[in-house]
Amino acid sequence: MSTNQAAIRAAKNIPENAPSRESSSAEGNQNPRIVEVTFGAANTPKRESSAKPPIRVPNTERRSREYLTEGEVEKLMAAAEKLGRHGHRDSTIILIAYRHGLRVSEIIFLEWDQADLAQGLLHVNRVKHGTPATHPIRGTELRALRRLQRDYPQSPYIFTGERKGPLTTSGIRKIVARAGVAAGIPFPIHPYMLRHAAGYKLANDGQDTRAIQVYLGHRNITHTTRYTELSPERFKSFWQD
């Protein structure tokens, strides 16, 4: 110990044999309970997952066509009627979506003030910048809607869920897909196929292309001609047996 350190310790009444701060600090560094932690470089590369998202199967590999026939729609409604506690509601969803060529979002937000059951009219608001129109409601639809109004009287929406609110997009898809399996349709189906079914049905009946365009809310007629192009009506005179 140097003379200056001895003088300072004597002034502070520190015994000469007491350990200095330097020595206690050194001993503390040798404590086995103290763990030295080191950090890697900030630019250490992250581990990348080798998992890849599944590849979507093209529609052409899942089904031969993207529409349903009139007979298949009838089977679909009959199957939906027998499934679950909301069978009549689900069957009516399929009926109205088919008869009026509705998209899923147009089904979800369909409200009672759009339906004039006394006059037999339904005002259809279109999405995707489509043109709205007023459609006639026939007897089968009127009876189904009146029963639905009695079964679900406390909601502004025509098709409601357990909480009296509108159904969800996924809910509509599940209803249609489940009914397709129960109906024995040999390929997976989705709600938009009901809209296509309406277009093909009207084209096969020989309805005017411009009228079909307005009925389905197409702004561009090229979206409507896809139905008339597949109509067999133009080929009826090809073979006369």
Protein backbone atom coordinates (compact mmCIF):
# COMPACT_ATOMS: atom_id res chain seq x y z
CA MET A 1 0.00 0.00 0.00
CA SER A 2 1.39 3.41 -0.90
CA THR A 3 1.99 6.20 1.58
CA ASN A 4 -0.87 8.30 0.14
CA GLN A 5 -3.36 5.40 0.43
CA ALA A 6 -2.25 4.74 4.04
CA ALA A 7 -2.79 8.39 4.91
CA ILE A 8 -6.27 8.42 3.37
CA ARG A 9 -7.26 5.23 5.21
CA ALA A 10 -5.95 6.61 8.48
CA ALA A 11 -7.97 9.80 7.97
CA LYS A 12 -11.15 7.73 7.40
CA ASN A 13 -10.39 5.41 10.36
CA ILE A 14 -10.19 2.36 8.07
CA PRO A 15 -8.10 -0.49 9.50
CA GLU A 16 -4.98 -1.33 7.54
CA ASN A 17 -5.98 -5.00 7.11
CA ALA A 18 -9.47 -4.17 5.68
CA PRO A 19 -9.87 -5.16 1.99
CA SER A 20 -9.76 -2.35 -0.45
CA ARG A 21 -12.62 -1.61 -2.90
CA GLU A 22 -10.47 -2.72 -5.75
CA SER A 23 -9.92 -6.15 -4.22
CA SER A 24 -13.60 -6.66 -3.28
CA SER A 25 -14.61 -5.73 -6.79
CA ALA A 26 -12.13 -8.21 -8.20
CA GLU A 27 -13.40 -10.93 -5.89
CA GLY A 28 -16.99 -10.13 -6.90
CA ASN A 29 -16.16 -10.72 -10.52
CA GLN A 30 -15.10 -14.25 -9.60
CA ASN A 31 -18.47 -15.07 -7.99
CA PRO A 32 -19.79 -18.28 -9.66
CA ARG A 33 -23.39 -16.96 -9.48
CA ILE A 34 -22.66 -14.16 -11.87
CA VAL A 35 -23.30 -15.23 -15.47
CA GLU A 36 -21.68 -13.40 -18.30
CA VAL A 37 -24.09 -12.68 -21.13
CA THR A 38 -22.92 -12.00 -24.65
CA PHE A 39 -24.99 -10.83 -27.59
CA GLY A 40 -24.49 -11.73 -31.21
CA ALA A 41 -24.06 -9.26 -34.00
CA ALA A 42 -27.10 -7.21 -34.97
CA ASN A 43 -26.92 -8.41 -38.54
CA THR A 44 -27.29 -12.11 -37.67
CA PRO A 45 -29.52 -13.63 -40.41
CA LYS A 46 -32.94 -14.88 -39.28
CA ARG A 47 -33.98 -18.46 -39.80
CA GLU A 48 -36.40 -18.66 -42.70
CA SER A 49 -39.26 -21.11 -42.59
CA SER A 50 -39.16 -23.80 -45.24
CA ALA A 51 -42.97 -24.11 -45.24
CA LYS A 52 -44.67 -22.79 -48.38
CA PRO A 53 -48.33 -21.80 -48.80
CA PRO A 54 -50.46 -24.42 -50.55
CA ILE A 55 -50.92 -24.00 -54.28
CA ARG A 56 -54.53 -23.21 -55.24
CA VAL A 57 -56.06 -25.87 -57.45
CA PRO A 58 -57.55 -24.39 -60.67
CA ASN A 59 -61.34 -24.52 -60.94
CA THR A 60 -61.08 -26.59 -64.13
CA GLU A 61 -59.42 -29.37 -62.11
CA ARG A 62 -62.08 -29.29 -59.39
CA ARG A 63 -65.21 -29.20 -61.56
CA SER A 64 -66.14 -29.44 -65.24
CA ARG A 65 -68.35 -26.30 -65.19
CA GLU A 66 -69.01 -23.23 -63.09
CA TYR A 67 -72.82 -23.26 -63.12
CA LEU A 68 -75.66 -25.47 -61.96
CA THR A 69 -78.58 -26.78 -63.97
CA GLU A 70 -82.18 -26.08 -62.98
CA GLY A 71 -82.56 -29.66 -61.75
CA GLU A 72 -79.43 -29.40 -59.60
CA VAL A 73 -80.72 -26.19 -58.00
CA GLU A 74 -83.98 -27.92 -57.10
CA LYS A 75 -82.03 -30.79 -55.50
CA LEU A 76 -79.93 -28.25 -53.64
CA MET A 77 -83.00 -26.53 -52.18
CA ALA A 78 -84.58 -29.82 -51.17
CA ALA A 79 -81.38 -30.92 -49.42
CA ALA A 80 -80.96 -27.59 -47.60
CA GLU A 81 -84.55 -27.78 -46.33
CA LYS A 82 -83.69 -30.94 -44.39
CA LEU A 83 -80.42 -29.74 -42.84
CA GLY A 84 -80.27 -28.16 -39.38
CA ARG A 85 -82.67 -25.88 -37.51
CA HIS A 86 -82.67 -23.23 -40.24
CA GLY A 87 -83.55 -25.47 -43.15
CA HIS A 88 -86.28 -23.23 -44.57
CA ARG A 89 -84.07 -20.14 -44.33
CA ASP A 90 -81.19 -21.90 -46.09
CA SER A 91 -83.45 -23.25 -48.80
CA THR A 92 -84.89 -19.76 -49.37
CA ILE A 93 -81.38 -18.31 -49.64
CA ILE A 94 -80.66 -20.70 -52.50
CA LEU A 95 -84.02 -19.95 -54.16
CA ILE A 96 -83.67 -16.15 -54.02
CA ALA A 97 -79.99 -16.18 -55.02
CA TYR A 98 -80.83 -18.36 -58.03
CA ARG A 99 -83.98 -16.59 -59.18
CA HIS A 100 -82.39 -13.12 -58.97
CA GLY A 101 -78.76 -13.90 -59.76
CA LEU A 102 -77.45 -12.54 -56.47
CA ARG A 103 -73.84 -12.38 -55.33
CA VAL A 104 -73.00 -13.38 -51.75
CA SER A 105 -72.73 -9.78 -50.50
CA GLU A 106 -76.05 -8.95 -52.16
CA ILE A 107 -77.69 -11.85 -50.31
CA ILE A 108 -76.21 -10.83 -46.95
CA PHE A 109 -77.46 -7.24 -46.97
CA LEU A 110 -80.87 -7.89 -48.50
CA GLU A 111 -83.42 -6.10 -46.25
CA TRP A 112 -87.17 -6.35 -45.86
CA ASP A 113 -87.73 -2.79 -47.08
CA GLN A 114 -86.44 -3.94 -50.48
CA ALA A 115 -89.20 -6.54 -50.76
CA ASP A 116 -92.77 -5.46 -51.53
CA LEU A 117 -94.63 -8.67 -50.85
CA ALA A 118 -98.02 -7.08 -51.52
CA GLN A 119 -97.01 -6.03 -55.05
CA GLY A 120 -94.68 -8.97 -55.61
CA LEU A 121 -91.56 -6.87 -56.23
CA LEU A 122 -87.94 -7.01 -55.07
CA HIS A 123 -85.53 -4.09 -55.43
CA VAL A 124 -82.05 -5.48 -56.03
CA ASN A 125 -79.01 -3.34 -55.21
CA ARG A 126 -75.93 -4.52 -57.08
CA VAL A 127 -72.29 -4.40 -55.96
CA LYS A 128 -69.22 -4.00 -58.19
CA HIS A 129 -70.78 -0.88 -59.75
CA GLY A 130 -73.65 -2.95 -61.13
CA THR A 131 -76.94 -1.38 -62.13
CA PRO A 132 -79.84 -1.83 -59.66
CA ALA A 133 -83.17 -3.16 -60.84
CA THR A 134 -86.63 -4.13 -59.61
CA HIS A 135 -87.49 -7.79 -60.14
CA PRO A 136 -90.86 -9.51 -59.96
CA ILE A 137 -91.33 -12.06 -57.15
CA ARG A 138 -93.23 -15.18 -58.14
CA GLY A 139 -95.57 -17.35 -56.08
CA THR A 140 -92.95 -19.80 -54.79
CA GLU A 141 -90.73 -16.97 -53.62
CA LEU A 142 -93.62 -15.06 -52.04
CA ARG A 143 -94.69 -18.03 -49.96
CA ALA A 144 -91.11 -18.73 -48.85
CA LEU A 145 -90.50 -15.09 -47.90
CA ARG A 146 -93.76 -14.74 -45.97
CA ARG A 147 -92.92 -17.81 -43.90
CA LEU A 148 -89.42 -16.45 -43.34
CA GLN A 149 -90.88 -13.14 -42.14
CA ARG A 150 -92.99 -15.01 -39.59
CA ASP A 151 -90.02 -17.10 -38.40
CA TYR A 152 -87.61 -14.13 -38.05
CA PRO A 153 -89.76 -11.10 -37.22
CA GLN A 154 -87.27 -8.95 -35.31
CA SER A 155 -84.58 -8.19 -37.90
CA PRO A 156 -84.40 -5.71 -40.78
CA TYR A 157 -82.44 -8.28 -42.78
CA ILE A 158 -84.25 -10.97 -44.74
CA PHE A 159 -81.65 -13.63 -43.94
CA THR A 160 -80.47 -13.50 -40.33
CA GLY A 161 -78.33 -15.54 -37.97
CA GLU A 162 -78.68 -16.52 -34.33
CA ARG A 163 -78.09 -12.94 -33.11
CA LYS A 164 -80.67 -11.35 -35.42
CA GLY A 165 -77.93 -9.80 -37.53
CA PRO A 166 -76.97 -10.49 -41.15
CA LEU A 167 -75.24 -13.71 -42.06
CA THR A 168 -71.55 -13.70 -42.94
CA THR A 169 -69.92 -14.44 -46.27
CA SER A 170 -68.39 -17.64 -44.93
CA GLY A 171 -71.75 -18.64 -43.48
CA ILE A 172 -73.44 -18.44 -46.89
CA ARG A 173 -70.62 -20.43 -48.48
CA LYS A 174 -70.93 -23.16 -45.86
CA ILE A 175 -74.70 -23.36 -46.31
CA VAL A 176 -74.40 -23.86 -50.07
CA ALA A 177 -71.44 -26.24 -49.88
CA ARG A 178 -73.12 -28.39 -47.22
CA ALA A 179 -76.32 -28.58 -49.26
CA GLY A 180 -74.32 -29.57 -52.33
CA VAL A 181 -72.83 -32.55 -50.51
CA ALA A 182 -76.23 -33.58 -49.13
CA ALA A 183 -77.80 -33.26 -52.59
CA GLY A 184 -75.21 -35.60 -54.07
CA ILE A 185 -73.80 -33.11 -56.55
CA PRO A 186 -70.57 -34.78 -57.74
CA PHE A 187 -68.33 -31.71 -57.47
CA PRO A 188 -67.77 -28.96 -54.87
CA ILE A 189 -70.00 -25.94 -55.34
CA HIS A 190 -70.01 -22.31 -54.22
CA PRO A 191 -72.72 -19.58 -54.08
CA TYR A 192 -71.61 -17.75 -57.24
CA MET A 193 -72.61 -20.81 -59.24
CA LEU A 194 -76.23 -19.90 -58.46
CA ARG A 195 -75.76 -16.55 -60.21
CA HIS A 196 -74.26 -18.32 -63.22
CA ALA A 197 -77.14 -20.80 -63.12
CA ALA A 198 -79.61 -17.92 -63.43
CA GLY A 199 -77.76 -16.49 -66.44
CA TYR A 200 -77.62 -19.81 -68.26
CA LYS A 201 -81.27 -20.59 -67.46
CA LEU A 202 -82.46 -17.28 -68.91
CA ALA A 203 -80.24 -17.66 -71.98
CA ASN A 204 -81.47 -21.22 -72.59
CA ASP A 205 -85.05 -19.97 -72.34
CA GLY A 206 -84.30 -17.65 -75.25
CA GLN A 207 -84.55 -14.39 -73.29
CA ASP A 208 -83.17 -11.23 -74.88
CA THR A 209 -79.48 -10.67 -74.13
CA ARG A 210 -80.03 -7.00 -73.25
CA ALA A 211 -82.81 -7.94 -70.85
CA ILE A 212 -80.55 -10.52 -69.16
CA GLN A 213 -77.83 -7.86 -68.89
CA VAL A 214 -80.15 -5.48 -67.02
CA TYR A 215 -81.61 -8.28 -64.90
CA LEU A 216 -78.16 -9.39 -63.68
CA GLY A 217 -76.89 -5.81 -63.31
CA HIS A 218 -74.05 -6.07 -65.83
CA ARG A 219 -72.72 -2.70 -66.98
CA ASN A 220 -70.78 -4.36 -69.79
CA ILE A 221 -72.71 -6.70 -72.05
CA THR A 222 -69.63 -8.86 -72.64
CA HIS A 223 -70.24 -10.31 -69.16
CA THR A 224 -73.71 -11.37 -70.32
CA THR A 225 -72.76 -12.91 -73.65
CA ARG A 226 -70.90 -15.70 -71.87
CA TYR A 227 -74.32 -17.18 -71.07
CA THR A 228 -75.75 -16.84 -74.57
CA GLU A 229 -72.58 -18.29 -76.12
CA LEU A 230 -73.11 -21.57 -74.28
CA SER A 231 -76.83 -21.72 -74.94
CA PRO A 232 -77.78 -24.75 -77.09
CA GLU A 233 -80.75 -22.89 -78.62
CA ARG A 234 -78.72 -21.71 -81.62
CA PHE A 235 -77.83 -25.31 -82.50
CA LYS A 236 -81.31 -26.84 -82.38
CA SER A 237 -81.72 -26.78 -86.16
CA PHE A 238 -78.35 -28.42 -86.91
CA TRP A 239 -79.59 -32.04 -86.89
CA GLN A 240 -83.14 -33.01 -87.78
CA ASP A 241 -83.80 -36.72 -87.16
